[in-house]
N, C-alpha and C. Protein backbone atom coordinates (compact mmCIF):
# COMPACT_ATOMS: atom_id res chain seq x y z
N MET A 1 28.41 -48.78 22.95
CA MET A 1 28.96 -47.70 23.77
C MET A 1 30.38 -48.09 24.21
N HIS A 2 31.31 -47.16 24.08
CA HIS A 2 32.70 -47.40 24.50
C HIS A 2 32.84 -47.09 25.99
N TYR A 3 33.40 -48.04 26.72
CA TYR A 3 33.64 -47.83 28.15
C TYR A 3 35.13 -47.62 28.39
N HIS A 4 35.44 -46.69 29.26
CA HIS A 4 36.83 -46.38 29.56
C HIS A 4 37.44 -47.42 30.49
N GLU A 5 38.74 -47.59 30.37
CA GLU A 5 39.50 -48.37 31.34
C GLU A 5 39.78 -47.47 32.55
N TYR A 6 40.18 -48.09 33.66
CA TYR A 6 40.43 -47.31 34.88
C TYR A 6 41.48 -46.22 34.64
N ASP A 7 42.58 -46.57 34.00
CA ASP A 7 43.66 -45.60 33.79
C ASP A 7 43.21 -44.40 32.94
N ASP A 8 42.20 -44.63 32.10
CA ASP A 8 41.69 -43.55 31.26
C ASP A 8 41.14 -42.41 32.12
N LEU A 9 40.58 -42.76 33.27
CA LEU A 9 39.96 -41.74 34.11
C LEU A 9 40.99 -40.72 34.58
N ILE A 10 42.14 -41.19 35.01
CA ILE A 10 43.20 -40.30 35.48
C ILE A 10 43.75 -39.47 34.33
N GLU A 11 43.97 -40.12 33.19
CA GLU A 11 44.51 -39.41 32.03
C GLU A 11 43.52 -38.36 31.53
N ASN A 12 42.23 -38.71 31.52
CA ASN A 12 41.21 -37.75 31.08
C ASN A 12 41.14 -36.55 32.00
N ASN A 13 41.37 -36.80 33.30
CA ASN A 13 41.38 -35.69 34.26
C ASN A 13 42.51 -34.72 33.94
N LYS A 14 43.67 -35.25 33.62
CA LYS A 14 44.81 -34.39 33.29
C LYS A 14 44.53 -33.55 32.05
N LYS A 15 43.90 -34.18 31.05
CA LYS A 15 43.56 -33.45 29.83
C LYS A 15 42.54 -32.35 30.12
N TRP A 16 41.55 -32.68 30.97
CA TRP A 16 40.50 -31.71 31.31
C TRP A 16 41.09 -30.51 32.04
N VAL A 17 41.99 -30.77 32.99
CA VAL A 17 42.64 -29.69 33.73
C VAL A 17 43.42 -28.78 32.76
N ALA A 18 44.16 -29.39 31.85
CA ALA A 18 44.95 -28.62 30.89
C ALA A 18 44.05 -27.75 30.01
N GLU A 19 42.91 -28.30 29.58
CA GLU A 19 41.98 -27.54 28.74
C GLU A 19 41.39 -26.35 29.50
N LYS A 20 41.03 -26.58 30.76
CA LYS A 20 40.45 -25.51 31.57
C LYS A 20 41.47 -24.39 31.80
N LEU A 21 42.71 -24.77 32.11
CA LEU A 21 43.75 -23.78 32.38
C LEU A 21 44.12 -22.99 31.13
N GLU A 22 44.02 -23.65 29.99
CA GLU A 22 44.33 -22.96 28.73
C GLU A 22 43.31 -21.85 28.48
N LYS A 23 42.05 -22.12 28.81
CA LYS A 23 40.99 -21.12 28.61
C LYS A 23 41.02 -20.05 29.70
N ASN A 24 41.32 -20.49 30.94
CA ASN A 24 41.31 -19.56 32.07
C ASN A 24 42.33 -20.02 33.11
N PRO A 25 43.50 -19.38 33.16
CA PRO A 25 44.56 -19.80 34.08
C PRO A 25 44.15 -19.75 35.55
N ALA A 26 43.13 -18.96 35.88
CA ALA A 26 42.69 -18.83 37.27
C ALA A 26 41.47 -19.69 37.59
N TYR A 27 41.11 -20.61 36.67
CA TYR A 27 39.86 -21.38 36.82
C TYR A 27 39.79 -22.10 38.16
N PHE A 28 40.82 -22.84 38.52
CA PHE A 28 40.77 -23.63 39.75
C PHE A 28 41.00 -22.77 41.00
N GLN A 29 41.76 -21.69 40.85
CA GLN A 29 41.91 -20.75 41.97
C GLN A 29 40.55 -20.15 42.33
N ASN A 30 39.78 -19.80 41.30
CA ASN A 30 38.44 -19.24 41.53
C ASN A 30 37.51 -20.29 42.14
N LEU A 31 37.63 -21.52 41.65
CA LEU A 31 36.77 -22.60 42.15
C LEU A 31 37.03 -22.87 43.63
N ALA A 32 38.30 -22.73 44.03
CA ALA A 32 38.68 -23.02 45.41
C ALA A 32 38.25 -21.94 46.41
N GLN A 33 37.74 -20.82 45.90
CA GLN A 33 37.35 -19.72 46.79
C GLN A 33 36.12 -20.06 47.62
N GLY A 34 35.31 -21.02 47.17
CA GLY A 34 34.09 -21.38 47.89
C GLY A 34 32.96 -21.62 46.92
N GLN A 35 31.83 -22.05 47.48
CA GLN A 35 30.69 -22.34 46.63
C GLN A 35 29.46 -21.53 47.04
N LYS A 36 28.67 -21.18 46.04
CA LYS A 36 27.39 -20.51 46.27
C LYS A 36 26.40 -20.98 45.20
N PRO A 37 26.14 -22.29 45.17
CA PRO A 37 25.29 -22.81 44.10
C PRO A 37 23.83 -22.39 44.28
N PRO A 38 23.16 -22.02 43.19
CA PRO A 38 21.75 -21.64 43.31
C PRO A 38 20.79 -22.83 43.36
N PHE A 39 21.30 -24.04 43.05
CA PHE A 39 20.43 -25.20 42.92
C PHE A 39 20.88 -26.35 43.83
N LEU A 40 19.91 -26.96 44.52
CA LEU A 40 20.11 -28.27 45.14
C LEU A 40 19.45 -29.28 44.23
N TYR A 41 20.20 -30.28 43.80
CA TYR A 41 19.70 -31.31 42.90
C TYR A 41 19.68 -32.64 43.63
N ILE A 42 18.52 -33.28 43.68
CA ILE A 42 18.38 -34.61 44.29
C ILE A 42 17.96 -35.56 43.18
N GLY A 43 18.85 -36.47 42.83
CA GLY A 43 18.59 -37.34 41.69
C GLY A 43 18.89 -38.79 41.97
N CYS A 44 18.77 -39.59 40.93
CA CYS A 44 19.02 -41.02 41.02
C CYS A 44 20.50 -41.31 40.82
N SER A 45 20.97 -42.39 41.45
CA SER A 45 22.38 -42.78 41.34
C SER A 45 22.72 -43.38 39.98
N ASP A 46 21.74 -43.63 39.16
CA ASP A 46 21.93 -44.26 37.84
C ASP A 46 23.10 -43.61 37.10
N SER A 47 23.96 -44.45 36.53
CA SER A 47 25.17 -43.96 35.86
C SER A 47 24.87 -43.15 34.60
N ARG A 48 23.63 -43.21 34.13
CA ARG A 48 23.26 -42.45 32.93
C ARG A 48 22.70 -41.07 33.27
N MET A 49 22.87 -40.65 34.53
CA MET A 49 22.25 -39.41 35.00
C MET A 49 23.27 -38.33 35.39
N PRO A 50 24.27 -38.05 34.56
CA PRO A 50 25.19 -36.95 34.89
C PRO A 50 24.52 -35.61 34.60
N ILE A 51 23.83 -35.08 35.59
CA ILE A 51 22.94 -33.95 35.34
C ILE A 51 23.69 -32.72 34.86
N SER A 52 24.96 -32.59 35.21
CA SER A 52 25.74 -31.45 34.73
C SER A 52 25.85 -31.47 33.21
N SER A 53 25.95 -32.68 32.64
CA SER A 53 26.01 -32.79 31.18
C SER A 53 24.67 -32.42 30.55
N PHE A 54 23.59 -32.93 31.13
CA PHE A 54 22.26 -32.70 30.55
C PHE A 54 21.83 -31.24 30.67
N THR A 55 22.31 -30.54 31.69
CA THR A 55 21.91 -29.14 31.89
C THR A 55 23.01 -28.15 31.52
N GLN A 56 24.16 -28.68 31.08
CA GLN A 56 25.29 -27.83 30.68
C GLN A 56 25.68 -26.86 31.79
N THR A 57 25.75 -27.38 33.02
CA THR A 57 26.16 -26.55 34.16
C THR A 57 27.62 -26.83 34.50
N GLU A 58 28.26 -25.82 35.09
CA GLU A 58 29.67 -25.90 35.45
C GLU A 58 29.81 -26.27 36.93
N PRO A 59 31.00 -26.75 37.34
CA PRO A 59 31.25 -26.97 38.77
C PRO A 59 30.94 -25.70 39.56
N GLY A 60 30.27 -25.87 40.70
CA GLY A 60 29.91 -24.72 41.53
C GLY A 60 28.47 -24.28 41.37
N GLU A 61 27.75 -24.83 40.39
CA GLU A 61 26.37 -24.41 40.15
C GLU A 61 25.34 -25.33 40.79
N LEU A 62 25.67 -26.61 40.95
CA LEU A 62 24.72 -27.58 41.50
C LEU A 62 25.27 -28.19 42.78
N PHE A 63 24.49 -28.16 43.85
CA PHE A 63 24.79 -28.93 45.06
C PHE A 63 24.00 -30.22 44.90
N ILE A 64 24.67 -31.37 44.99
CA ILE A 64 24.07 -32.62 44.50
C ILE A 64 23.99 -33.69 45.57
N HIS A 65 22.83 -34.34 45.62
CA HIS A 65 22.64 -35.56 46.39
C HIS A 65 21.98 -36.58 45.48
N ARG A 66 22.53 -37.81 45.47
CA ARG A 66 21.95 -38.85 44.62
C ARG A 66 21.83 -40.15 45.41
N ASN A 67 20.75 -40.87 45.14
CA ASN A 67 20.57 -42.20 45.72
C ASN A 67 19.71 -43.03 44.77
N VAL A 68 19.54 -44.30 45.06
CA VAL A 68 18.77 -45.19 44.20
C VAL A 68 17.31 -44.70 44.12
N ALA A 69 16.88 -44.40 42.89
CA ALA A 69 15.49 -44.00 42.60
C ALA A 69 15.10 -42.69 43.28
N ASN A 70 16.07 -41.81 43.51
CA ASN A 70 15.85 -40.43 43.99
C ASN A 70 14.81 -40.35 45.11
N GLN A 71 15.10 -41.06 46.20
CA GLN A 71 14.19 -41.07 47.34
C GLN A 71 14.49 -39.93 48.32
N VAL A 72 13.44 -39.36 48.89
CA VAL A 72 13.57 -38.38 49.96
C VAL A 72 12.97 -39.02 51.20
N SER A 73 13.82 -39.74 51.91
CA SER A 73 13.37 -40.43 53.11
C SER A 73 13.55 -39.51 54.31
N LEU A 74 12.51 -39.37 55.10
CA LEU A 74 12.55 -38.46 56.24
C LEU A 74 13.38 -39.01 57.40
N THR A 75 13.91 -40.22 57.25
CA THR A 75 14.82 -40.78 58.26
C THR A 75 16.25 -40.90 57.72
N ASP A 76 16.49 -40.37 56.53
CA ASP A 76 17.81 -40.45 55.90
C ASP A 76 18.65 -39.24 56.33
N MET A 77 19.54 -39.48 57.30
CA MET A 77 20.34 -38.38 57.84
C MET A 77 21.27 -37.78 56.79
N ASN A 78 21.72 -38.58 55.85
CA ASN A 78 22.58 -38.09 54.78
C ASN A 78 21.83 -37.03 53.98
N LEU A 79 20.64 -37.38 53.51
CA LEU A 79 19.86 -36.43 52.72
C LEU A 79 19.48 -35.21 53.55
N LEU A 80 19.05 -35.42 54.79
CA LEU A 80 18.63 -34.29 55.63
C LEU A 80 19.78 -33.33 55.90
N ALA A 81 20.99 -33.87 56.05
CA ALA A 81 22.16 -33.01 56.26
C ALA A 81 22.44 -32.19 55.00
N VAL A 82 22.34 -32.83 53.84
CA VAL A 82 22.53 -32.13 52.57
C VAL A 82 21.49 -31.03 52.42
N LEU A 83 20.24 -31.36 52.71
CA LEU A 83 19.15 -30.40 52.58
C LEU A 83 19.35 -29.22 53.53
N GLU A 84 19.68 -29.50 54.77
CA GLU A 84 19.86 -28.43 55.75
C GLU A 84 21.01 -27.52 55.34
N TYR A 85 22.12 -28.10 54.93
CA TYR A 85 23.27 -27.29 54.53
C TYR A 85 22.94 -26.45 53.30
N ALA A 86 22.23 -27.06 52.35
CA ALA A 86 21.89 -26.34 51.12
C ALA A 86 20.98 -25.15 51.40
N VAL A 87 19.98 -25.37 52.28
CA VAL A 87 18.99 -24.33 52.53
C VAL A 87 19.51 -23.27 53.50
N GLU A 88 20.18 -23.70 54.57
CA GLU A 88 20.53 -22.78 55.65
C GLU A 88 21.93 -22.17 55.53
N ALA A 89 22.85 -22.88 54.90
CA ALA A 89 24.21 -22.35 54.76
C ALA A 89 24.46 -21.80 53.35
N LEU A 90 23.98 -22.51 52.35
CA LEU A 90 24.25 -22.09 50.97
C LEU A 90 23.17 -21.19 50.39
N ASP A 91 22.00 -21.14 51.03
CA ASP A 91 20.89 -20.31 50.54
C ASP A 91 20.52 -20.63 49.10
N VAL A 92 20.38 -21.91 48.79
CA VAL A 92 19.99 -22.28 47.43
C VAL A 92 18.62 -21.68 47.11
N GLN A 93 18.42 -21.34 45.86
CA GLN A 93 17.17 -20.71 45.43
C GLN A 93 16.16 -21.72 44.91
N HIS A 94 16.65 -22.88 44.48
CA HIS A 94 15.77 -23.89 43.90
C HIS A 94 16.20 -25.27 44.38
N ILE A 95 15.21 -26.13 44.63
CA ILE A 95 15.45 -27.54 44.92
C ILE A 95 14.78 -28.35 43.83
N VAL A 96 15.55 -29.18 43.16
CA VAL A 96 15.03 -30.01 42.08
C VAL A 96 15.15 -31.49 42.48
N VAL A 97 14.02 -32.18 42.47
CA VAL A 97 14.04 -33.65 42.59
C VAL A 97 13.87 -34.19 41.18
N CYS A 98 14.83 -34.99 40.74
CA CYS A 98 14.82 -35.46 39.35
C CYS A 98 14.85 -36.98 39.29
N GLY A 99 13.80 -37.55 38.74
CA GLY A 99 13.78 -38.98 38.43
C GLY A 99 14.06 -39.18 36.95
N HIS A 100 13.86 -40.39 36.49
CA HIS A 100 14.06 -40.63 35.07
C HIS A 100 13.28 -41.85 34.61
N TYR A 101 13.01 -41.89 33.31
CA TYR A 101 12.39 -43.07 32.73
C TYR A 101 13.46 -44.17 32.61
N CYS A 102 13.04 -45.41 32.49
CA CYS A 102 13.95 -46.57 32.43
C CYS A 102 14.73 -46.70 33.75
N CYS A 103 14.07 -46.42 34.88
CA CYS A 103 14.73 -46.48 36.18
C CYS A 103 14.60 -47.89 36.76
N GLY A 104 15.74 -48.51 37.05
CA GLY A 104 15.73 -49.86 37.58
C GLY A 104 15.06 -49.98 38.93
N GLY A 105 15.23 -48.96 39.76
CA GLY A 105 14.60 -48.97 41.08
C GLY A 105 13.09 -48.91 40.99
N VAL A 106 12.59 -48.08 40.10
CA VAL A 106 11.14 -47.96 39.89
C VAL A 106 10.59 -49.27 39.33
N GLU A 107 11.30 -49.85 38.38
CA GLU A 107 10.84 -51.11 37.77
C GLU A 107 10.82 -52.24 38.80
N ALA A 108 11.84 -52.30 39.67
CA ALA A 108 11.88 -53.34 40.70
C ALA A 108 10.73 -53.17 41.69
N ALA A 109 10.41 -51.92 42.02
CA ALA A 109 9.28 -51.66 42.92
C ALA A 109 7.97 -52.05 42.26
N TYR A 110 7.82 -51.71 41.00
CA TYR A 110 6.59 -52.01 40.25
C TYR A 110 6.37 -53.52 40.14
N LYS A 111 7.43 -54.26 39.83
CA LYS A 111 7.31 -55.70 39.62
C LYS A 111 7.45 -56.50 40.91
N GLY A 112 7.89 -55.84 41.99
CA GLY A 112 8.08 -56.55 43.25
C GLY A 112 9.26 -57.51 43.21
N THR A 113 10.27 -57.19 42.40
CA THR A 113 11.41 -58.10 42.22
C THR A 113 12.62 -57.74 43.06
N ALA A 114 12.59 -56.59 43.74
CA ALA A 114 13.76 -56.17 44.54
C ALA A 114 13.92 -57.08 45.75
N THR A 115 15.16 -57.28 46.16
CA THR A 115 15.45 -58.10 47.33
C THR A 115 16.42 -57.35 48.25
N GLY A 116 16.51 -57.83 49.48
CA GLY A 116 17.49 -57.30 50.42
C GLY A 116 17.28 -55.83 50.74
N VAL A 117 18.40 -55.12 50.87
CA VAL A 117 18.35 -53.70 51.24
C VAL A 117 17.62 -52.88 50.19
N VAL A 118 17.83 -53.23 48.92
CA VAL A 118 17.16 -52.48 47.84
C VAL A 118 15.64 -52.61 47.97
N GLU A 119 15.17 -53.79 48.34
CA GLU A 119 13.73 -53.98 48.54
C GLU A 119 13.20 -53.02 49.60
N ASN A 120 13.94 -52.90 50.71
CA ASN A 120 13.53 -51.95 51.75
C ASN A 120 13.54 -50.53 51.23
N TRP A 121 14.59 -50.21 50.46
CA TRP A 121 14.79 -48.83 50.01
C TRP A 121 13.69 -48.38 49.05
N VAL A 122 13.25 -49.27 48.14
CA VAL A 122 12.26 -48.88 47.13
C VAL A 122 10.83 -49.19 47.58
N SER A 123 10.65 -49.66 48.80
CA SER A 123 9.30 -49.98 49.25
C SER A 123 8.34 -48.78 49.21
N PRO A 124 8.82 -47.53 49.44
CA PRO A 124 7.89 -46.40 49.28
C PRO A 124 7.36 -46.26 47.86
N ILE A 125 8.15 -46.64 46.86
CA ILE A 125 7.68 -46.58 45.47
C ILE A 125 6.64 -47.68 45.24
N ARG A 126 6.86 -48.83 45.85
CA ARG A 126 5.88 -49.90 45.78
C ARG A 126 4.55 -49.44 46.38
N ASP A 127 4.64 -48.68 47.47
CA ASP A 127 3.43 -48.14 48.11
C ASP A 127 2.71 -47.16 47.19
N ILE A 128 3.49 -46.33 46.47
CA ILE A 128 2.90 -45.39 45.51
C ILE A 128 2.16 -46.15 44.42
N TYR A 129 2.78 -47.21 43.93
CA TYR A 129 2.13 -48.03 42.90
C TYR A 129 0.83 -48.62 43.41
N MET A 130 0.86 -49.21 44.60
CA MET A 130 -0.33 -49.86 45.15
C MET A 130 -1.45 -48.84 45.38
N ALA A 131 -1.09 -47.63 45.80
CA ALA A 131 -2.09 -46.60 46.06
C ALA A 131 -2.72 -46.08 44.76
N ASN A 132 -2.01 -46.21 43.65
CA ASN A 132 -2.49 -45.72 42.36
C ASN A 132 -2.64 -46.85 41.34
N ARG A 133 -2.80 -48.06 41.84
CA ARG A 133 -2.72 -49.25 40.97
C ARG A 133 -3.80 -49.25 39.88
N GLN A 134 -5.01 -48.88 40.24
CA GLN A 134 -6.10 -48.91 39.25
C GLN A 134 -5.79 -47.99 38.08
N TYR A 135 -5.31 -46.79 38.40
CA TYR A 135 -4.98 -45.83 37.34
C TYR A 135 -3.77 -46.29 36.53
N ILE A 136 -2.71 -46.70 37.21
CA ILE A 136 -1.49 -47.11 36.51
C ILE A 136 -1.74 -48.33 35.63
N ASP A 137 -2.46 -49.32 36.18
CA ASP A 137 -2.72 -50.55 35.42
C ASP A 137 -3.63 -50.31 34.22
N SER A 138 -4.36 -49.18 34.22
CA SER A 138 -5.24 -48.88 33.09
C SER A 138 -4.47 -48.36 31.88
N LEU A 139 -3.21 -47.98 32.08
CA LEU A 139 -2.40 -47.49 30.96
C LEU A 139 -2.06 -48.66 30.03
N PRO A 140 -2.03 -48.42 28.72
CA PRO A 140 -2.00 -49.53 27.76
C PRO A 140 -0.71 -50.36 27.71
N THR A 141 0.43 -49.77 28.02
CA THR A 141 1.68 -50.52 27.91
C THR A 141 2.46 -50.47 29.21
N GLU A 142 3.33 -51.47 29.40
CA GLU A 142 4.15 -51.48 30.60
C GLU A 142 5.09 -50.27 30.63
N LYS A 143 5.57 -49.88 29.46
CA LYS A 143 6.45 -48.72 29.38
C LYS A 143 5.75 -47.48 29.93
N GLU A 144 4.49 -47.26 29.54
CA GLU A 144 3.74 -46.10 30.02
C GLU A 144 3.46 -46.21 31.51
N ARG A 145 3.22 -47.43 31.99
CA ARG A 145 2.96 -47.62 33.41
C ARG A 145 4.20 -47.28 34.24
N LEU A 146 5.35 -47.72 33.76
CA LEU A 146 6.60 -47.43 34.47
C LEU A 146 6.94 -45.94 34.42
N GLN A 147 6.67 -45.31 33.30
CA GLN A 147 6.93 -43.87 33.19
C GLN A 147 6.04 -43.09 34.14
N LYS A 148 4.77 -43.48 34.22
CA LYS A 148 3.86 -42.78 35.13
C LYS A 148 4.28 -42.98 36.58
N LEU A 149 4.74 -44.20 36.92
CA LEU A 149 5.19 -44.46 38.28
C LEU A 149 6.44 -43.63 38.60
N SER A 150 7.33 -43.47 37.63
CA SER A 150 8.51 -42.61 37.82
C SER A 150 8.07 -41.18 38.13
N GLU A 151 7.07 -40.70 37.41
CA GLU A 151 6.58 -39.33 37.62
C GLU A 151 5.92 -39.19 39.00
N LEU A 152 5.07 -40.15 39.36
CA LEU A 152 4.40 -40.11 40.65
C LEU A 152 5.41 -40.19 41.79
N ASN A 153 6.47 -40.95 41.58
CA ASN A 153 7.53 -41.06 42.59
C ASN A 153 8.19 -39.71 42.81
N VAL A 154 8.49 -38.99 41.74
CA VAL A 154 9.12 -37.68 41.87
C VAL A 154 8.21 -36.72 42.65
N VAL A 155 6.94 -36.68 42.29
CA VAL A 155 6.01 -35.77 42.97
C VAL A 155 5.94 -36.11 44.47
N ALA A 156 5.92 -37.41 44.78
CA ALA A 156 5.87 -37.83 46.19
C ALA A 156 7.12 -37.39 46.94
N GLN A 157 8.27 -37.45 46.28
CA GLN A 157 9.53 -37.07 46.95
C GLN A 157 9.63 -35.55 47.11
N VAL A 158 9.10 -34.79 46.15
CA VAL A 158 9.04 -33.33 46.32
C VAL A 158 8.16 -32.99 47.52
N LYS A 159 7.04 -33.69 47.64
CA LYS A 159 6.15 -33.48 48.78
C LYS A 159 6.88 -33.78 50.09
N ASN A 160 7.67 -34.86 50.09
CA ASN A 160 8.45 -35.20 51.29
C ASN A 160 9.42 -34.09 51.66
N ILE A 161 10.06 -33.49 50.65
CA ILE A 161 10.98 -32.37 50.90
C ILE A 161 10.25 -31.26 51.67
N CYS A 162 9.03 -30.97 51.21
CA CYS A 162 8.27 -29.86 51.79
C CYS A 162 7.81 -30.13 53.22
N THR A 163 7.81 -31.39 53.64
CA THR A 163 7.36 -31.73 54.99
C THR A 163 8.50 -31.83 56.00
N THR A 164 9.72 -31.59 55.56
CA THR A 164 10.87 -31.70 56.47
C THR A 164 10.92 -30.50 57.42
N SER A 165 11.55 -30.72 58.57
CA SER A 165 11.73 -29.62 59.53
C SER A 165 12.60 -28.51 58.94
N VAL A 166 13.53 -28.88 58.07
CA VAL A 166 14.38 -27.88 57.42
C VAL A 166 13.53 -26.89 56.63
N MET A 167 12.61 -27.42 55.84
CA MET A 167 11.77 -26.54 55.02
C MET A 167 10.76 -25.79 55.89
N HIS A 168 10.27 -26.42 56.95
CA HIS A 168 9.34 -25.72 57.84
C HIS A 168 10.01 -24.48 58.45
N ARG A 169 11.27 -24.63 58.85
CA ARG A 169 12.00 -23.48 59.39
C ARG A 169 12.16 -22.40 58.33
N ALA A 170 12.47 -22.83 57.12
CA ALA A 170 12.66 -21.88 56.03
C ALA A 170 11.37 -21.14 55.71
N TYR A 171 10.25 -21.87 55.72
CA TYR A 171 8.96 -21.24 55.43
C TYR A 171 8.62 -20.15 56.44
N LYS A 172 9.01 -20.36 57.69
CA LYS A 172 8.71 -19.38 58.74
C LYS A 172 9.50 -18.08 58.54
N THR A 173 10.66 -18.18 57.91
CA THR A 173 11.49 -16.99 57.66
C THR A 173 11.03 -16.24 56.42
N MET A 174 10.16 -16.89 55.63
CA MET A 174 9.69 -16.32 54.36
C MET A 174 10.81 -16.18 53.33
N LYS A 175 11.94 -16.85 53.60
CA LYS A 175 13.02 -16.89 52.62
C LYS A 175 13.33 -18.36 52.38
N TYR A 176 12.75 -18.87 51.32
CA TYR A 176 12.86 -20.32 51.11
C TYR A 176 12.99 -20.62 49.61
N PRO A 177 13.60 -21.75 49.29
CA PRO A 177 13.78 -22.11 47.88
C PRO A 177 12.48 -22.63 47.26
N THR A 178 12.38 -22.48 45.95
CA THR A 178 11.27 -23.04 45.19
C THR A 178 11.57 -24.50 44.88
N VAL A 179 10.55 -25.35 45.01
CA VAL A 179 10.75 -26.78 44.74
C VAL A 179 10.24 -27.13 43.33
N HIS A 180 10.91 -28.08 42.70
CA HIS A 180 10.57 -28.50 41.34
C HIS A 180 10.68 -30.01 41.24
N GLY A 181 9.87 -30.59 40.37
CA GLY A 181 9.96 -32.01 40.07
C GLY A 181 10.26 -32.22 38.60
N TRP A 182 11.33 -32.97 38.33
CA TRP A 182 11.74 -33.25 36.95
C TRP A 182 11.77 -34.75 36.70
N VAL A 183 11.56 -35.10 35.44
CA VAL A 183 11.85 -36.46 34.97
C VAL A 183 12.72 -36.33 33.73
N LEU A 184 13.80 -37.08 33.72
CA LEU A 184 14.68 -37.08 32.55
C LEU A 184 14.28 -38.23 31.62
N ASP A 185 13.97 -37.88 30.39
CA ASP A 185 13.65 -38.88 29.37
C ASP A 185 14.96 -39.32 28.72
N ILE A 186 15.50 -40.41 29.23
CA ILE A 186 16.83 -40.85 28.77
C ILE A 186 16.83 -41.18 27.28
N GLU A 187 15.71 -41.69 26.77
CA GLU A 187 15.65 -42.07 25.35
C GLU A 187 15.85 -40.87 24.43
N HIS A 188 15.43 -39.69 24.89
CA HIS A 188 15.49 -38.50 24.02
C HIS A 188 16.38 -37.39 24.58
N GLY A 189 16.77 -37.51 25.85
CA GLY A 189 17.69 -36.54 26.44
C GLY A 189 17.04 -35.32 27.07
N PHE A 190 15.72 -35.22 26.97
CA PHE A 190 15.04 -34.01 27.45
C PHE A 190 14.61 -34.13 28.91
N VAL A 191 14.64 -33.00 29.61
CA VAL A 191 14.09 -32.89 30.96
C VAL A 191 12.63 -32.47 30.85
N LYS A 192 11.76 -33.18 31.56
CA LYS A 192 10.34 -32.85 31.61
C LYS A 192 10.03 -32.29 32.99
N GLU A 193 9.55 -31.05 33.04
CA GLU A 193 9.16 -30.46 34.33
C GLU A 193 7.73 -30.88 34.65
N LEU A 194 7.54 -31.48 35.82
CA LEU A 194 6.24 -32.01 36.20
C LEU A 194 5.39 -30.93 36.85
N GLN A 195 4.10 -31.02 36.63
CA GLN A 195 3.13 -30.12 37.27
C GLN A 195 2.94 -30.59 38.71
N LEU A 196 3.20 -29.74 39.66
CA LEU A 196 3.03 -30.08 41.07
C LEU A 196 1.69 -29.55 41.56
N PRO A 197 1.01 -30.29 42.46
CA PRO A 197 -0.29 -29.84 42.99
C PRO A 197 -0.11 -28.76 44.06
N VAL A 198 0.42 -27.62 43.65
CA VAL A 198 0.79 -26.56 44.59
C VAL A 198 -0.40 -26.07 45.41
N ALA A 199 -1.53 -25.81 44.74
CA ALA A 199 -2.71 -25.31 45.44
C ALA A 199 -3.19 -26.31 46.50
N GLU A 200 -3.18 -27.58 46.12
CA GLU A 200 -3.60 -28.63 47.06
C GLU A 200 -2.66 -28.69 48.26
N TRP A 201 -1.36 -28.60 48.01
CA TRP A 201 -0.38 -28.65 49.09
C TRP A 201 -0.49 -27.41 49.98
N GLN A 202 -0.83 -26.29 49.40
CA GLN A 202 -1.02 -25.08 50.21
C GLN A 202 -2.24 -25.24 51.13
N GLN A 203 -3.31 -25.81 50.61
CA GLN A 203 -4.50 -26.05 51.41
C GLN A 203 -4.22 -26.99 52.58
N LEU A 204 -3.32 -27.96 52.34
CA LEU A 204 -2.96 -28.93 53.37
C LEU A 204 -1.92 -28.37 54.36
N GLY A 205 -1.41 -27.18 54.06
CA GLY A 205 -0.39 -26.58 54.92
C GLY A 205 1.01 -27.10 54.67
N ILE A 206 1.19 -27.83 53.57
CA ILE A 206 2.51 -28.37 53.24
C ILE A 206 3.39 -27.28 52.62
N LEU A 207 2.76 -26.40 51.85
CA LEU A 207 3.44 -25.24 51.28
C LEU A 207 2.81 -23.97 51.86
N PRO A 208 3.60 -22.91 52.02
CA PRO A 208 3.05 -21.66 52.55
C PRO A 208 2.17 -20.96 51.51
């Protein structure tokens, strides 16, 4: 894989601007008018996860929050501020939590190798593994075990989204975004939409 030098980033930006203006002279004027993205995307900070490339979306379509291993921590003011703004100011129609296979954070949680702040950060994933250890360990390969843990992590974080005060307020208004769980298969490039236990969450009062 070819990696760019620092100066390449600035030069590439100039080329990109020129290409956009050639196609549409008002492109950036229109972009500066404001945003009304239909999607809030919560993903992993992994450098291989440029979701705009994978979904072929343009600037203005995705409101984005990313952190290590796509965690939805109910004490993370950064995430909660993003969520509140997306739901209450931008009126997003969909919230997507997207994990991925080959995730370093998930692997560190699974193997118990994380240290320092990262260890604290991925401890909820470690808890997910321990709670499902018998099932996960029954899978034949480590690759499959890690993939399943990535999927379970996404479902857990979608559930966390639904338990926030932001979403509770939205549910009371009956105007609320639909939640989705995705996993990106980096080896093949495809997004996998996960089946969420919607009926179970409704019975528990987590979803309306």
